[in-house]
Amino acid sequence: MNRLFFSIGILCFLTAPVYSDSLTYQGKSIDVSEWKESDGMVKFVYKNLWGFADTGSMKAVIPPKYSGASDFSGGKALVLKEFGLQTPSMKFAWIDKKGKETPYSFSIPSKLKGGTPVYYTAGDKLYVISKNGVNLRESASLNGKVMMNVPHGSEVTVSESPSAKNAVSVGNIPGYWVKVVYNGKTGWLFDGFLSVLTPYSGSEKWIWNMVDRWKVSGIWKTHYDLGIYYLTHDDENKIPYGQLWQIDMTYYPGTRVSLAQLNVNYEGGVTVHYIFAGLRQFEVFQQIKTAGVIPDDTVYQGDEEIYTYSTGEYSSFEIKETEEGLVVLTTYSAD
């Protein structure tokens, strides 16, 4: 399936208080597309880029140069300096009311250098995401004596941070033996069947239900809306299935897991990109599998595209890992 290959130059629509249809920029009165006031600043779109003006003077104090921008709050705003969907990459920065930038990283670094990334440490809580549970063993080996089976959904506490010497692959799933405490017993689990996020167990078998439950669970304390973007179809952008007409992006920062969600609407269907920082690729695959979103007999193959069909609807799910360590779960739905 074709991907969306483009870097976004954007035009935004937001419902907001409107003061006028023009403001002053570089000494000239300019017509802007859309704008919204917050914290004494007006964010606006000019020539498909975001800038900010002072509410009182209606003069642009921060030039329109950003692909996306949040509202101002507490004297600062989050801006998107670069963005692309071919290999999803995002460069954020905080800006103050004078336009001073402070770089902000979306990625969450692994706690273990080299090899399969690790996003947890001693004292953290992890959750069993394998439907069949996972065996707690007396030693860090598949030959270790099985103490018990830890059921799906169970919470365990990490006793010791994993080390490179305990790297292992079970089937085609890379991971580590990790020492944990469960129900007062200490043993070893294969962390390829564990997640920093609880598995979804709702009756609605859709990815957005799974993600929405995480949103309301307190994992993410805040979020930033970085605009709704419009872009017309042309040969360079190679947009599938007709004219692309709307993209909106919401960013959920977290201490352990962060999420950027992009909803792309076009003629004939909808594409949603869930871009995770702080999760491993298999972890995301197993989460949607145990949620019932994809068939239970689907086997993990790394970077892959999975197709499902339901009455009147075609859907596919693609999971990719970027060089920055982000995991991108993309869903396509078309009538």
Protein backbone atom coordinates (compact mmCIF):
# COMPACT_ATOMS: atom_id res chain seq x y z
CA MET A 1 0.00 0.00 0.00
CA ASN A 2 1.24 3.48 -0.80
CA ARG A 3 2.37 5.58 2.10
CA LEU A 4 1.82 9.27 2.64
CA PHE A 5 5.13 10.72 1.48
CA PHE A 6 5.30 14.34 2.33
CA SER A 7 6.67 16.95 4.65
CA ILE A 8 3.87 19.16 5.71
CA GLY A 9 3.43 22.79 4.77
CA ILE A 10 0.19 23.56 6.49
CA LEU A 11 -2.94 25.58 6.65
CA CYS A 12 -4.89 25.31 9.85
CA PHE A 13 -8.52 25.60 10.83
CA LEU A 14 -9.49 26.09 14.45
CA THR A 15 -12.68 27.45 15.95
CA ALA A 16 -11.54 30.53 17.89
CA PRO A 17 -12.36 34.14 18.74
CA VAL A 18 -11.73 36.23 15.61
CA TYR A 19 -10.70 39.86 15.99
CA SER A 20 -10.03 40.81 12.37
CA ASP A 21 -8.90 39.22 9.14
CA SER A 22 -5.53 40.92 9.08
CA LEU A 23 -2.56 41.84 11.25
CA THR A 24 0.77 43.57 10.86
CA TYR A 25 3.83 41.55 9.80
CA GLN A 26 7.14 43.06 8.64
CA GLY A 27 5.53 46.50 8.62
CA LYS A 28 2.73 45.45 6.28
CA SER A 29 -0.88 44.46 6.82
CA ILE A 30 -1.36 40.81 5.87
CA ASP A 31 -4.41 38.61 5.57
CA VAL A 32 -4.14 35.45 7.66
CA SER A 33 -5.96 32.19 7.25
CA GLU A 34 -7.05 31.29 10.77
CA TRP A 35 -6.12 32.26 14.29
CA LYS A 36 -6.76 31.69 17.96
CA GLU A 37 -6.06 33.77 21.08
CA SER A 38 -4.47 32.40 24.24
CA ASP A 39 -2.49 33.89 27.12
CA GLY A 40 -2.24 37.31 25.48
CA MET A 41 -0.97 35.92 22.18
CA VAL A 42 -2.73 35.24 18.88
CA LYS A 43 -1.47 32.29 16.88
CA PHE A 44 -2.11 32.58 13.16
CA VAL A 45 -1.44 30.90 9.83
CA TYR A 46 0.23 32.80 7.02
CA LYS A 47 1.39 31.06 3.84
CA ASN A 48 0.73 27.70 5.50
CA LEU A 49 2.96 28.31 8.53
CA TRP A 50 2.25 29.25 12.14
CA GLY A 51 3.30 32.48 13.81
CA PHE A 52 2.24 34.54 16.84
CA ALA A 53 1.07 38.11 17.27
CA ASP A 54 0.59 40.25 20.35
CA THR A 55 -3.11 40.48 21.22
CA GLY A 56 -2.97 44.20 22.02
CA SER A 57 -1.09 45.52 19.00
CA MET A 58 -2.02 42.73 16.56
CA LYS A 59 1.57 42.83 15.35
CA ALA A 60 3.43 39.61 14.56
CA VAL A 61 6.13 39.17 17.21
CA ILE A 62 7.06 35.59 16.28
CA PRO A 63 7.34 35.08 12.49
CA PRO A 64 5.21 32.40 10.78
CA LYS A 65 7.73 29.57 10.42
CA TYR A 66 6.35 26.56 12.31
CA SER A 67 4.60 23.48 10.97
CA GLY A 68 2.38 23.36 14.05
CA ALA A 69 1.82 25.26 17.26
CA SER A 70 -0.06 24.79 20.51
CA ASP A 71 -1.80 27.57 22.42
CA PHE A 72 0.30 29.70 24.75
CA SER A 73 -0.04 28.76 28.42
CA GLY A 74 2.06 29.99 31.31
CA GLY A 75 4.12 32.11 28.95
CA LYS A 76 5.18 29.33 26.59
CA ALA A 77 3.92 27.29 23.64
CA LEU A 78 4.98 24.01 22.06
CA VAL A 79 5.85 24.33 18.37
CA LEU A 80 6.55 21.76 15.69
CA LYS A 81 9.65 22.81 13.78
CA GLU A 82 9.83 19.86 11.40
CA PHE A 83 7.48 17.09 10.50
CA GLY A 84 7.27 14.28 7.96
CA LEU A 85 5.31 11.08 7.43
CA GLN A 86 7.59 9.13 5.11
CA THR A 87 9.69 8.20 8.11
CA PRO A 88 7.75 9.93 10.87
CA SER A 89 10.07 12.44 12.41
CA MET A 90 9.22 15.38 14.61
CA LYS A 91 11.32 18.18 16.00
CA PHE A 92 9.67 20.15 18.78
CA ALA A 93 10.68 23.24 20.73
CA TRP A 94 9.25 25.36 23.50
CA ILE A 95 9.04 29.07 22.69
CA ASP A 96 8.46 32.02 24.98
CA LYS A 97 6.60 35.20 24.06
CA LYS A 98 9.75 36.70 22.57
CA GLY A 99 10.26 33.69 20.30
CA LYS A 100 13.21 32.21 22.19
CA GLU A 101 13.38 28.49 21.46
CA THR A 102 14.26 25.68 23.87
CA PRO A 103 14.64 22.30 22.11
CA TYR A 104 12.29 19.56 23.29
CA SER A 105 12.76 15.87 22.43
CA PHE A 106 9.80 13.62 21.72
CA SER A 107 11.90 10.44 21.92
CA ILE A 108 12.42 8.59 25.20
CA PRO A 109 15.96 7.15 25.45
CA SER A 110 16.55 3.49 26.19
CA LYS A 111 17.90 2.78 29.67
CA LEU A 112 20.25 0.15 28.22
CA LYS A 113 22.66 1.11 25.45
CA GLY A 114 22.82 -1.14 22.41
CA GLY A 115 20.58 -4.03 21.48
CA THR A 116 16.85 -4.16 22.15
CA PRO A 117 15.74 -0.96 23.91
CA VAL A 118 14.64 -0.99 27.56
CA TYR A 119 12.14 1.56 28.86
CA TYR A 120 11.81 0.46 32.47
CA THR A 121 14.01 0.19 35.54
CA ALA A 122 14.02 -1.31 39.05
CA GLY A 123 10.86 -0.42 40.95
CA ASP A 124 8.70 0.09 37.83
CA LYS A 125 5.41 -1.73 37.30
CA LEU A 126 4.98 -3.87 34.19
CA TYR A 127 1.94 -5.77 32.90
CA VAL A 128 1.61 -9.19 31.27
CA ILE A 129 0.30 -8.76 27.70
CA SER A 130 0.45 -12.38 26.52
CA LYS A 131 -3.03 -13.94 26.47
CA ASN A 132 -1.53 -17.20 27.75
CA GLY A 133 0.34 -15.45 30.54
CA VAL A 134 4.08 -15.85 31.06
CA ASN A 135 6.06 -18.34 33.14
CA LEU A 136 7.85 -17.10 36.24
CA ARG A 137 11.13 -19.06 36.48
CA GLU A 138 13.70 -19.61 39.20
CA SER A 139 16.57 -18.64 36.87
CA ALA A 140 17.11 -16.51 33.77
CA SER A 141 16.82 -19.36 31.29
CA LEU A 142 14.19 -21.23 29.30
CA ASN A 143 15.50 -24.27 31.19
CA GLY A 144 14.85 -22.59 34.52
CA LYS A 145 12.29 -24.28 36.76
CA VAL A 146 8.79 -22.85 36.32
CA MET A 147 7.49 -21.46 39.59
CA MET A 148 4.06 -20.46 38.26
CA ASN A 149 2.25 -18.93 35.32
CA VAL A 150 1.61 -15.20 35.71
CA PRO A 151 -1.79 -14.55 34.05
CA HIS A 152 -2.59 -12.05 31.33
CA GLY A 153 -3.10 -8.55 32.72
CA SER A 154 -1.18 -9.19 35.94
CA GLU A 155 1.03 -6.47 37.42
CA VAL A 156 4.61 -7.28 38.36
CA THR A 157 7.28 -5.10 39.99
CA VAL A 158 10.76 -4.96 38.49
CA SER A 159 13.28 -6.10 41.12
CA GLU A 160 16.47 -5.50 39.13
CA SER A 161 17.10 -3.55 35.95
CA PRO A 162 17.87 -5.84 32.98
CA SER A 163 21.43 -6.21 31.73
CA ALA A 164 22.87 -7.00 28.31
CA LYS A 165 24.01 -10.44 29.52
CA ASN A 166 20.36 -11.42 29.93
CA ALA A 167 19.38 -10.61 26.33
CA VAL A 168 17.37 -13.42 24.74
CA SER A 169 15.00 -14.09 21.85
CA VAL A 170 11.97 -16.30 22.29
CA GLY A 171 10.79 -17.33 18.86
CA ASN A 172 11.33 -14.18 16.82
CA ILE A 173 10.72 -11.81 19.74
CA PRO A 174 13.80 -10.04 21.16
CA GLY A 175 13.98 -9.06 24.81
CA TYR A 176 15.58 -9.74 28.18
CA TRP A 177 15.18 -11.87 31.24
CA VAL A 178 14.08 -9.53 33.98
CA LYS A 179 13.91 -10.20 37.73
CA VAL A 180 10.48 -9.33 39.14
CA VAL A 181 8.28 -9.73 42.19
CA TYR A 182 4.78 -11.16 41.75
CA ASN A 183 2.44 -12.05 44.62
CA GLY A 184 5.36 -12.01 47.05
CA LYS A 185 7.49 -14.36 44.94
CA THR A 186 10.69 -13.32 43.17
CA GLY A 187 11.65 -14.88 39.86
CA TRP A 188 12.52 -14.27 36.24
CA LEU A 189 10.21 -13.36 33.35
CA PHE A 190 10.83 -12.86 29.65
CA ASP A 191 10.06 -9.17 29.13
CA GLY A 192 8.93 -9.63 25.52
CA PHE A 193 5.54 -10.52 27.03
CA LEU A 194 5.46 -7.48 29.33
CA SER A 195 4.48 -3.86 28.76
CA VAL A 196 4.64 -0.56 30.59
CA LEU A 197 0.97 -0.12 29.58
CA THR A 198 -1.92 -2.25 30.81
CA PRO A 199 -3.51 -4.48 28.15
CA TYR A 200 -6.90 -3.46 26.79
CA SER A 201 -9.80 -5.71 27.73
CA GLY A 202 -12.84 -3.74 26.55
CA SER A 203 -15.62 -5.14 24.39
CA GLU A 204 -15.03 -2.69 21.53
CA LYS A 205 -12.22 -4.15 19.41
CA TRP A 206 -10.82 -0.97 17.90
CA ILE A 207 -7.42 0.64 18.30
CA TRP A 208 -8.90 4.01 19.23
CA ASN A 209 -10.82 2.39 22.11
CA MET A 210 -7.55 0.93 23.41
CA VAL A 211 -5.69 4.24 23.08
CA ASP A 212 -8.60 6.25 24.53
CA ARG A 213 -8.59 4.07 27.63
CA TRP A 214 -4.90 4.80 28.12
CA LYS A 215 -5.65 8.51 27.71
CA VAL A 216 -8.16 8.53 30.56
CA SER A 217 -6.10 6.27 32.82
CA GLY A 218 -3.78 9.07 33.94
CA ILE A 219 -0.71 8.03 31.93
CA TRP A 220 -0.75 11.38 30.16
CA LYS A 221 -1.49 14.37 32.38
CA THR A 222 -1.81 16.89 29.57
CA HIS A 223 -1.93 17.17 25.80
CA TYR A 224 -1.21 19.70 23.08
CA ASP A 225 -3.30 20.28 19.96
CA LEU A 226 -0.96 21.34 17.19
CA GLY A 227 -3.50 22.20 14.56
CA ILE A 228 -5.60 20.91 11.73
CA TYR A 229 -3.82 20.97 8.42
CA TYR A 230 -5.06 21.01 4.85
CA LEU A 231 -3.15 19.88 1.77
CA THR A 232 -4.40 19.24 -1.76
CA HIS A 233 -3.41 16.27 -3.88
CA ASP A 234 -0.57 16.58 -6.36
CA ASP A 235 1.92 14.22 -7.99
CA GLU A 236 4.77 15.18 -5.68
CA ASN A 237 2.91 14.26 -2.50
CA LYS A 238 1.70 10.92 -3.90
CA ILE A 239 -1.38 10.93 -1.70
CA PRO A 240 -3.43 7.74 -2.17
CA TYR A 241 -7.17 7.45 -2.74
CA GLY A 242 -7.92 10.98 -3.88
CA GLN A 243 -7.51 14.43 -2.41
CA LEU A 244 -6.20 14.75 1.13
CA TRP A 245 -8.18 17.40 2.91
CA GLN A 246 -7.51 17.30 6.63
CA ILE A 247 -4.83 16.34 9.15
CA ASP A 248 -4.91 17.02 12.86
CA MET A 249 -2.22 16.27 15.41
CA THR A 250 -2.45 15.85 19.17
CA TYR A 251 0.62 15.25 21.31
CA TYR A 252 0.48 13.49 24.70
CA PRO A 253 3.79 13.81 26.61
CA GLY A 254 4.55 11.31 29.36
CA THR A 255 7.38 10.36 31.67
CA ARG A 256 7.39 6.72 30.50
CA VAL A 257 5.41 6.72 27.25
CA SER A 258 4.60 9.59 24.90
CA LEU A 259 2.14 9.56 22.01
CA ALA A 260 1.59 11.71 18.95
CA GLN A 261 -1.70 10.94 17.21
CA LEU A 262 -2.32 12.09 13.65
CA ASN A 263 -5.71 11.73 12.00
CA VAL A 264 -5.60 12.02 8.21
CA ASN A 265 -8.88 12.31 6.30
CA TYR A 266 -9.05 12.04 2.53
CA GLU A 267 -11.59 11.10 -0.09
CA GLY A 268 -12.35 7.41 0.36
CA GLY A 269 -10.95 6.73 3.79
CA VAL A 270 -9.15 7.63 6.97
CA THR A 271 -5.56 7.04 8.05
CA VAL A 272 -4.52 7.34 11.68
CA HIS A 273 -0.88 7.32 12.82
CA TYR A 274 -0.15 6.50 16.46
CA ILE A 275 3.50 7.37 17.08
CA PHE A 276 4.80 6.00 20.39
CA ALA A 277 7.97 6.85 22.28
CA GLY A 278 8.87 4.50 25.15
CA LEU A 279 7.37 1.32 23.68
CA ARG A 280 9.00 -1.49 21.74
CA GLN A 281 7.71 -2.67 18.37
CA PHE A 282 6.61 -6.09 19.58
CA GLU A 283 4.99 -4.48 22.60
CA VAL A 284 2.69 -2.47 20.32
CA PHE A 285 1.96 -5.53 18.16
CA GLN A 286 1.05 -7.64 21.19
CA GLN A 287 -1.15 -4.88 22.62
CA ILE A 288 -3.35 -4.71 19.52
CA LYS A 289 -3.38 -8.49 19.20
CA THR A 290 -4.55 -9.15 22.77
CA ALA A 291 -7.10 -6.34 22.35
CA GLY A 292 -8.68 -8.39 19.56
CA VAL A 293 -8.01 -5.79 16.88
CA ILE A 294 -6.14 -8.28 14.68
CA PRO A 295 -6.71 -12.07 14.40
CA ASP A 296 -5.41 -14.09 17.34
CA ASP A 297 -3.33 -16.34 15.08
CA THR A 298 -1.38 -13.39 13.60
CA VAL A 299 2.36 -14.03 14.02
CA TYR A 300 4.80 -11.20 14.75
CA GLN A 301 7.14 -10.58 11.82
CA GLY A 302 8.74 -7.26 12.71
CA ASP A 303 7.98 -4.44 10.28
CA GLU A 304 4.79 -5.59 8.64
CA GLU A 305 1.36 -4.77 7.31
CA ILE A 306 -1.67 -6.72 8.49
CA TYR A 307 -5.03 -6.80 6.71
CA THR A 308 -8.44 -7.38 8.21
CA TYR A 309 -11.88 -7.21 6.67
CA SER A 310 -15.33 -6.58 8.08
CA THR A 311 -18.72 -6.01 6.51
CA GLY A 312 -18.55 -2.98 4.25
CA GLU A 313 -15.07 -1.97 5.42
CA TYR A 314 -11.45 -2.66 4.52
CA SER A 315 -8.77 -2.09 7.14
CA SER A 316 -5.04 -2.60 7.43
CA PHE A 317 -2.54 -2.07 10.24
CA GLU A 318 1.12 -1.35 9.76
CA ILE A 319 3.80 -1.32 12.45
CA LYS A 320 7.17 0.30 11.81
CA GLU A 321 10.12 1.30 13.97
CA THR A 322 12.06 4.45 13.08
CA GLU A 323 15.76 5.15 13.48
CA GLU A 324 14.92 7.40 16.41
CA GLY A 325 13.37 4.44 18.25
CA LEU A 326 9.78 5.55 17.70
CA VAL A 327 7.15 2.91 16.96
CA VAL A 328 4.56 3.93 14.40
CA LEU A 329 1.24 2.10 14.32
CA THR A 330 -0.67 3.15 11.20
CA THR A 331 -4.25 2.18 10.47
CA TYR A 332 -5.96 2.54 7.11
CA SER A 333 -9.71 2.25 6.67
CA ALA A 334 -11.59 2.59 3.40
CA ASP A 335 -15.14 1.94 2.30
